Amino acid sequence: MKKKSKPERGQDFKADMQTIKNEDVKKLQESFNQYFGANPDEMKKRASKLKNKIYFFGLIITLLFVIVFYLSKNVTFVGL
């Protein structure tokens, strides 16, 4: 087996961007279907649950930040 030089390898390869794009779209759809499901009703339910989790954890993080900020400004610690 003889190793090809760069120009020889470059001549053999022809990128078909449309084919590559179509393959990427198929892979993306497959991964989307694995996570959210193929059924539209199931997709809506899972997307709604995900949205609610994001809102819930965002609220918790915001509340924790406000509490820490309040305590750091209004409470004097002994020895500090």
Protein backbone atom coordinates (compact mmCIF):
# COMPACT_ATOMS: atom_id res chain seq x y z
CA MET A 1 0.00 0.00 0.00
CA LYS A 2 1.50 3.25 -1.15
CA LYS A 3 0.75 6.48 0.66
CA LYS A 4 -0.71 9.15 -1.61
CA SER A 5 0.72 12.64 -1.69
CA LYS A 6 -1.42 15.63 -0.76
CA PRO A 7 -2.24 16.69 -4.34
CA GLU A 8 -3.33 13.14 -5.21
CA ARG A 9 -5.57 12.91 -2.15
CA GLY A 10 -7.02 16.35 -2.91
CA GLN A 11 -8.01 15.30 -6.41
CA ASP A 12 -9.92 12.26 -5.18
CA PHE A 13 -11.98 14.17 -2.62
CA LYS A 14 -14.88 16.24 -3.84
CA ALA A 15 -17.08 17.72 -1.15
CA ASP A 16 -20.75 17.68 -1.92
CA MET A 17 -21.98 20.29 0.54
CA GLN A 18 -25.65 19.52 -0.04
CA THR A 19 -25.13 15.84 0.82
CA ILE A 20 -23.15 16.77 3.93
CA LYS A 21 -25.87 19.22 4.97
CA ASN A 22 -28.60 16.61 4.44
CA GLU A 23 -26.70 14.07 6.57
CA ASP A 24 -26.26 16.65 9.33
CA VAL A 25 -29.99 17.44 9.25
CA LYS A 26 -30.83 13.73 9.50
CA LYS A 27 -28.48 13.27 12.47
CA LEU A 28 -29.93 16.33 14.19
CA GLN A 29 -33.49 15.08 13.66
CA GLU A 30 -32.57 11.65 15.04
CA SER A 31 -31.01 13.10 18.17
CA PHE A 32 -33.96 15.47 18.60
CA ASN A 33 -36.40 12.56 18.28
CA GLN A 34 -34.43 10.53 20.83
CA TYR A 35 -34.63 13.31 23.40
CA PHE A 36 -38.11 14.73 22.79
CA GLY A 37 -39.79 11.75 21.12
CA ALA A 38 -41.23 11.33 17.65
CA ASN A 39 -44.87 11.88 18.65
CA PRO A 40 -45.92 15.59 18.59
CA ASP A 41 -47.94 15.25 21.83
CA GLU A 42 -44.97 13.66 23.56
CA MET A 43 -42.73 16.46 22.25
CA LYS A 44 -45.02 19.11 23.69
CA LYS A 45 -45.14 17.39 27.07
CA ARG A 46 -41.37 16.93 27.32
CA ALA A 47 -40.66 20.46 26.08
CA SER A 48 -43.10 21.84 28.64
CA LYS A 49 -41.41 19.86 31.43
CA LEU A 50 -37.99 21.10 30.32
CA LYS A 51 -39.23 24.71 30.21
CA ASN A 52 -40.71 24.40 33.70
CA LYS A 53 -37.45 22.97 35.06
CA ILE A 54 -35.50 25.87 33.55
CA TYR A 55 -37.88 28.42 35.10
CA PHE A 56 -37.82 26.66 38.48
CA PHE A 57 -34.04 26.45 38.72
CA GLY A 58 -33.69 30.02 37.46
CA LEU A 59 -36.02 31.18 40.25
CA ILE A 60 -34.08 29.18 42.86
CA ILE A 61 -30.72 30.59 41.71
CA THR A 62 -32.12 34.14 41.70
CA LEU A 63 -33.55 33.74 45.22
CA LEU A 64 -30.26 32.33 46.52
CA PHE A 65 -28.36 35.26 45.00
CA VAL A 66 -30.74 37.78 46.59
CA ILE A 67 -30.48 36.09 50.01
CA VAL A 68 -26.67 35.98 49.91
CA PHE A 69 -26.52 39.60 48.75
CA TYR A 70 -28.91 40.69 51.53
CA LEU A 71 -27.00 38.80 54.19
CA SER A 72 -23.66 40.15 53.03
CA LYS A 73 -24.87 43.77 53.19
CA ASN A 74 -27.12 43.76 56.26
CA VAL A 75 -25.67 41.22 58.67
CA THR A 76 -22.46 41.93 60.53
CA PHE A 77 -20.43 38.86 61.31
CA VAL A 78 -18.43 38.62 64.52
CA GLY A 79 -14.73 38.90 63.92
CA LEU A 80 -14.92 40.27 60.40
